[in-house]
Protein backbone atom coordinates (compact mmCIF):
# COMPACT_ATOMS: atom_id res chain seq x y z
CA MET A 1 31.43 -182.59 -185.12
CA ASN A 2 28.14 -180.70 -185.32
CA ARG A 3 26.32 -184.03 -185.32
CA TYR A 4 27.94 -185.06 -182.03
CA ARG A 5 27.11 -181.70 -180.52
CA ALA A 6 23.51 -182.04 -181.63
CA LEU A 7 23.32 -185.53 -180.09
CA ALA A 8 24.88 -184.30 -176.85
CA ARG A 9 22.44 -181.39 -176.75
CA ALA A 10 19.50 -183.73 -177.41
CA ARG A 11 20.64 -186.04 -174.60
CA GLY A 12 20.92 -183.06 -172.25
CA VAL A 13 17.42 -181.86 -173.13
CA ALA A 14 16.05 -185.39 -172.68
CA SER A 15 17.74 -185.71 -169.29
CA VAL A 16 16.35 -182.37 -168.11
CA ALA A 17 12.87 -183.30 -169.36
CA TRP A 18 13.06 -186.69 -167.60
CA ILE A 19 14.15 -185.11 -164.30
CA ALA A 20 11.51 -182.38 -164.58
CA GLY A 21 8.87 -185.01 -165.28
CA ALA A 22 9.94 -186.98 -162.21
CA PHE A 23 9.69 -183.86 -160.02
CA VAL A 24 6.25 -183.04 -161.44
CA PHE A 25 5.10 -186.61 -160.78
CA LEU A 26 6.35 -186.45 -157.18
CA PHE A 27 5.24 -182.96 -156.19
CA ALA A 28 2.11 -182.31 -158.28
CA PRO A 29 -0.23 -183.96 -155.71
CA LEU A 30 1.28 -181.84 -152.93
CA VAL A 31 0.87 -178.65 -154.98
CA VAL A 32 -2.78 -179.52 -155.61
CA VAL A 33 -3.48 -180.11 -151.91
CA VAL A 34 -1.73 -176.90 -150.81
CA GLY A 35 -3.34 -174.82 -153.56
CA ALA A 36 -6.84 -176.18 -152.94
CA SER A 37 -6.55 -175.44 -149.22
CA PHE A 38 -6.57 -171.71 -150.02
CA ASP A 39 -9.83 -171.79 -151.98
CA GLY A 40 -12.53 -169.99 -150.04
CA GLY A 41 -15.62 -171.22 -151.85
CA ASN A 42 -18.33 -173.30 -150.21
CA ARG A 43 -17.83 -176.77 -151.59
CA THR A 44 -17.77 -180.45 -150.83
CA PHE A 45 -15.02 -181.29 -153.31
CA LEU A 46 -11.43 -180.36 -154.05
CA ASN A 47 -11.21 -177.18 -156.11
CA PHE A 48 -7.88 -176.50 -157.84
CA PRO A 49 -6.72 -173.98 -158.86
CA PRO A 50 -8.46 -171.90 -156.17
CA GLN A 51 -11.18 -169.62 -157.51
CA GLU A 52 -10.99 -167.17 -154.63
CA PHE A 53 -8.05 -166.92 -152.25
CA SER A 54 -8.92 -167.44 -148.60
CA THR A 55 -7.45 -168.88 -145.41
CA ARG A 56 -10.84 -169.63 -143.85
CA TRP A 57 -10.30 -173.40 -143.72
CA TYR A 58 -7.17 -172.97 -141.61
CA PHE A 59 -9.35 -171.47 -138.86
CA GLN A 60 -12.01 -174.19 -139.10
CA ILE A 61 -9.83 -177.21 -138.33
CA ALA A 62 -11.58 -179.29 -135.68
CA PRO A 63 -9.67 -179.59 -132.36
CA ASP A 64 -9.89 -183.40 -132.49
CA LEU A 65 -7.79 -183.34 -135.68
CA PHE A 66 -4.97 -181.60 -133.82
CA GLN A 67 -5.35 -184.12 -131.01
CA SER A 68 -5.07 -187.00 -133.48
CA LEU A 69 -2.05 -185.33 -135.08
CA ALA A 70 -0.35 -184.92 -131.69
CA LEU A 71 -1.13 -188.55 -130.89
CA ALA A 72 0.36 -189.71 -134.21
CA VAL A 73 3.53 -187.67 -133.74
CA GLY A 74 4.02 -188.84 -130.16
CA LEU A 75 3.28 -192.43 -131.08
CA GLY A 76 5.66 -192.25 -134.06
CA LEU A 77 8.51 -190.80 -132.01
CA THR A 78 8.04 -193.37 -129.24
CA THR A 79 7.84 -196.17 -131.79
CA ALA A 80 11.05 -194.98 -133.48
CA PHE A 81 12.91 -194.78 -130.16
CA LEU A 82 11.81 -198.21 -128.93
CA ALA A 83 12.38 -199.75 -132.36
CA CYS A 84 16.01 -198.58 -132.15
CA ILE A 85 16.33 -200.02 -128.64
CA LEU A 86 15.11 -203.39 -129.93
CA GLY A 87 16.52 -203.27 -133.45
CA VAL A 88 20.16 -202.36 -132.81
CA PRO A 89 20.92 -205.40 -130.57
CA ALA A 90 18.98 -207.64 -132.94
CA ALA A 91 21.02 -206.39 -135.90
CA LEU A 92 24.27 -206.92 -134.01
CA GLY A 93 23.22 -210.46 -133.20
CA LEU A 94 22.29 -211.23 -136.81
CA VAL A 95 25.60 -209.93 -138.16
CA ARG A 96 28.08 -210.86 -135.42
CA ALA A 97 26.69 -214.04 -133.84
CA GLU A 98 26.90 -217.54 -135.27
CA PHE A 99 24.15 -219.93 -134.22
CA ARG A 100 21.98 -222.65 -135.67
CA GLY A 101 18.84 -221.38 -137.36
CA LYS A 102 20.22 -217.92 -138.01
CA ALA A 103 18.58 -217.73 -141.43
CA ILE A 104 15.20 -218.62 -139.93
CA VAL A 105 15.56 -215.91 -137.27
CA ALA A 106 16.50 -213.36 -139.93
CA ALA A 107 13.43 -214.36 -141.95
CA LEU A 108 11.21 -213.97 -138.89
CA PHE A 109 12.56 -210.46 -138.33
CA ARG A 110 11.66 -209.61 -141.95
CA ALA A 111 8.19 -211.17 -141.74
CA PRO A 112 6.33 -207.94 -140.82
CA LEU A 113 7.57 -206.41 -144.08
CA GLN A 114 5.96 -209.19 -146.11
CA ILE A 115 2.66 -209.60 -144.28
CA PRO A 116 -0.15 -207.26 -145.41
CA ALA A 117 -0.93 -204.61 -142.81
CA VAL A 118 -4.61 -205.59 -142.82
CA VAL A 119 -3.66 -209.11 -141.77
CA ILE A 120 -1.42 -207.71 -139.02
CA GLY A 121 -4.26 -205.52 -137.77
CA VAL A 122 -6.71 -208.43 -137.62
CA SER A 123 -4.11 -210.65 -135.94
CA PHE A 124 -3.38 -208.12 -133.20
CA LEU A 125 -7.10 -207.47 -132.72
CA LYS A 126 -7.75 -211.18 -132.11
CA LEU A 127 -4.66 -211.44 -129.89
CA TYR A 128 -5.76 -208.49 -127.76
CA TYR A 129 -9.25 -209.95 -127.38
CA LEU A 130 -7.68 -213.24 -126.28
CA ILE A 131 -5.45 -211.44 -123.76
CA GLY A 132 -8.50 -209.57 -122.49
CA ASP A 133 -10.48 -212.78 -122.02
CA VAL A 134 -7.65 -214.62 -120.26
CA PHE A 135 -6.00 -211.88 -118.20
CA GLY A 136 -8.66 -209.17 -118.16
CA LEU A 137 -6.20 -206.73 -119.74
CA ARG A 138 -7.77 -204.32 -122.23
CA LEU A 139 -5.44 -203.32 -125.06
CA VAL A 140 -7.83 -202.47 -127.91
CA GLY A 141 -8.32 -198.72 -128.12
CA THR A 142 -5.36 -197.96 -125.85
CA LEU A 143 -2.00 -196.31 -126.44
CA PRO A 144 0.03 -199.37 -125.29
CA GLY A 145 -1.93 -201.56 -127.69
CA LEU A 146 -1.20 -199.26 -130.63
CA LEU A 147 2.44 -198.92 -129.60
CA ILE A 148 3.04 -202.68 -129.49
CA ALA A 149 1.50 -203.16 -132.93
CA HIS A 150 3.45 -200.25 -134.43
CA LEU A 151 6.66 -201.64 -132.96
CA PHE A 152 5.90 -204.91 -134.75
CA LEU A 153 5.56 -202.96 -138.00
CA ALA A 154 8.52 -200.62 -137.59
CA THR A 155 11.32 -202.60 -135.91
CA PRO A 156 12.29 -204.55 -139.08
CA TYR A 157 13.17 -201.25 -140.77
CA VAL A 158 15.67 -200.43 -138.01
CA ILE A 159 17.11 -203.93 -138.15
CA GLY A 160 17.53 -203.78 -141.92
CA SER A 161 19.17 -200.35 -141.88
CA VAL A 162 21.62 -201.23 -139.11
CA VAL A 163 22.46 -204.63 -140.65
CA ALA A 164 23.32 -202.88 -143.94
CA VAL A 165 25.83 -200.67 -142.10
CA LEU A 166 27.26 -203.48 -139.96
CA GLN A 167 27.95 -205.61 -143.01
CA ARG A 168 30.40 -202.92 -144.20
CA PHE A 169 31.81 -202.27 -140.73
CA ASN A 170 35.59 -202.34 -140.32
CA LEU A 171 36.20 -204.69 -137.37
CA ARG A 172 39.81 -203.52 -137.06
CA LEU A 173 38.55 -200.31 -135.47
CA GLU A 174 37.04 -202.28 -132.58
CA GLU A 175 40.13 -204.46 -132.32
CA ALA A 176 42.33 -201.37 -132.06
CA ALA A 177 40.18 -199.97 -129.24
CA LEU A 178 40.24 -203.29 -127.37
CA SER A 179 44.00 -203.62 -127.78
CA LEU A 180 44.43 -200.16 -126.24
CA GLY A 181 42.66 -201.30 -123.08
CA ALA A 182 39.06 -200.21 -123.69
CA SER A 183 36.34 -202.49 -122.32
CA ARG A 184 33.76 -203.98 -124.67
CA ILE A 185 31.07 -201.65 -123.36
CA ARG A 186 33.29 -198.60 -123.82
CA THR A 187 34.32 -199.82 -127.28
CA PHE A 188 30.69 -200.17 -128.27
CA ARG A 189 29.78 -196.75 -126.88
CA ARG A 190 32.78 -194.82 -128.25
CA VAL A 191 33.57 -196.70 -131.49
CA THR A 192 30.81 -199.02 -132.71
CA LEU A 193 27.72 -196.95 -131.95
CA PRO A 194 28.96 -193.68 -133.53
CA LEU A 195 29.91 -195.53 -136.71
CA ILE A 196 26.58 -197.34 -137.06
CA MET A 197 24.56 -194.21 -136.26
CA PRO A 198 23.80 -193.52 -139.96
CA GLY A 199 21.90 -196.82 -140.04
CA VAL A 200 20.22 -196.02 -136.73
CA TYR A 201 19.15 -192.58 -138.00
CA ALA A 202 17.77 -194.05 -141.21
CA GLY A 203 15.97 -196.86 -139.38
CA ALA A 204 14.45 -194.44 -136.88
CA MET A 205 13.24 -192.21 -139.69
CA TYR A 206 11.62 -195.15 -141.49
CA ALA A 207 10.08 -196.38 -138.22
CA PHE A 208 8.56 -192.96 -137.54
CA LEU A 209 7.14 -192.71 -141.06
CA VAL A 210 5.67 -196.22 -140.92
CA SER A 211 4.00 -195.48 -137.59
CA PHE A 212 2.79 -192.01 -138.57
CA GLY A 213 1.33 -193.14 -141.90
CA ASP A 214 -0.23 -196.39 -140.72
CA VAL A 215 -3.94 -196.77 -141.46
CA PRO A 216 -4.99 -200.47 -141.43
CA VAL A 217 -3.54 -201.44 -138.05
CA SER A 218 -4.71 -198.20 -136.41
CA LEU A 219 -8.23 -198.68 -137.78
CA PHE A 220 -8.49 -202.09 -136.09
CA LEU A 221 -6.80 -201.18 -132.81
CA GLY A 222 -7.75 -197.54 -132.33
CA GLY A 223 -10.78 -196.32 -130.44
CA PRO A 224 -12.64 -193.18 -129.38
CA GLY A 225 -10.06 -190.56 -128.47
CA MET A 226 -7.25 -192.94 -129.43
CA GLN A 227 -7.20 -192.76 -133.22
CA PRO A 228 -3.95 -191.62 -134.91
CA PHE A 229 -4.07 -188.95 -137.57
CA ALA A 230 -3.91 -191.14 -140.70
CA ALA A 231 -6.75 -193.38 -139.51
CA LYS A 232 -8.76 -190.33 -138.46
CA ILE A 233 -8.40 -188.78 -141.92
CA PHE A 234 -9.42 -192.06 -143.54
CA ASN A 235 -12.60 -192.24 -141.48
CA LEU A 236 -13.50 -188.61 -142.19
CA MET A 237 -12.91 -188.98 -145.93
CA GLU A 238 -15.04 -192.12 -146.00
CA TYR A 239 -18.22 -190.29 -144.99
CA ASP A 240 -17.71 -186.67 -146.00
CA PHE A 241 -15.17 -184.25 -147.47
CA ASP A 242 -14.18 -181.42 -145.15
CA PRO A 243 -11.97 -178.75 -146.80
CA SER A 244 -10.24 -178.20 -143.45
CA LEU A 245 -8.54 -181.55 -144.06
CA LEU A 246 -6.63 -179.87 -146.87
CA ALA A 247 -5.52 -177.13 -144.47
CA ILE A 248 -4.16 -179.48 -141.82
CA SER A 249 -2.56 -181.58 -144.58
CA THR A 250 -0.77 -178.42 -145.70
CA TYR A 251 0.55 -177.95 -142.17
CA ILE A 252 1.92 -181.50 -142.29
CA ILE A 253 3.52 -180.97 -145.71
CA VAL A 254 5.25 -177.78 -144.54
CA GLY A 255 6.30 -179.45 -141.29
CA SER A 256 7.71 -182.43 -143.18
CA PHE A 257 9.82 -180.24 -145.44
CA ALA A 258 11.03 -178.25 -142.42
CA SER A 259 11.95 -181.47 -140.61
CA ILE A 260 13.90 -182.73 -143.61
CA TYR A 261 15.72 -179.39 -143.86
CA PHE A 262 16.73 -179.33 -140.19
CA LEU A 263 17.69 -183.01 -140.33
CA GLN A 264 19.93 -182.22 -143.27
CA ARG A 265 21.50 -179.28 -141.40
CA ALA A 266 21.96 -181.23 -138.16
CA ILE A 267 23.05 -184.61 -139.52
CA GLY A 268 23.49 -184.37 -143.28
CA LEU A 269 21.81 -186.78 -145.66
CA ASP A 270 25.23 -188.13 -146.57
CA GLN A 271 25.44 -189.37 -142.97
CA LEU A 272 22.37 -191.51 -143.56
CA THR A 273 23.99 -193.37 -146.42
CA ARG A 274 27.63 -193.39 -145.39
CA SER A 275 29.25 -196.73 -144.59
CA GLY A 276 30.05 -197.44 -140.99
CA GLY A 277 33.77 -197.13 -141.02
CA GLY A 278 34.32 -199.32 -144.02
């Protein structure tokens, strides 16, 4: 009996150690960034733990970094919204419709997930130059140009999330609404859409994150005054290390945790994984 208790205790300790190790692996980089942002020494490298506590770098963040951050947030939110507008009907068509070449269409929708982002950036750059030569329309270094490319990157995530929910959808709920006299539009608005919203929420969240964190495509298609935050940070880190980057990164980390908290309070993470009426 004591042997079994010892084995159970050893398994419990091993499980706790494994979980603690996973949390350390996930959060240690964030702790280093936040801690180093409060070091007040003059330096050109990351200093952790901080040797002298100071908030000086939080007051030396360049205004163009906040502009790039605002651009990235606005671009990400717009990308997420438009990706849902495009992705939800596409997902419904892939699940509900029967047509020749359906597998090929589904593969084409997944293609952006399998093509390296650098290749996508180069492809859009060449396409925009071609459009400029033929139609005189300048898209490189503009917000519409970035938005179109980010939609290409992000829409497959919405499609995949909504398809996963639709595949478990209980069609009898729609049939009941139709049999009670509801039109197809009203049935979609009052029955189908609320039940697939977990997939829409998840897809929108992925779309925002993909857009916000994109570097390769934004490097190729951005321009002066039109460079999202991730690409801006990459360029700055390539030539010099500015400790104020740690400070604004800390703002983003805190904002991300706050967003996750309020999303959990408003929607509930269980809503993001719950089956659509299955």
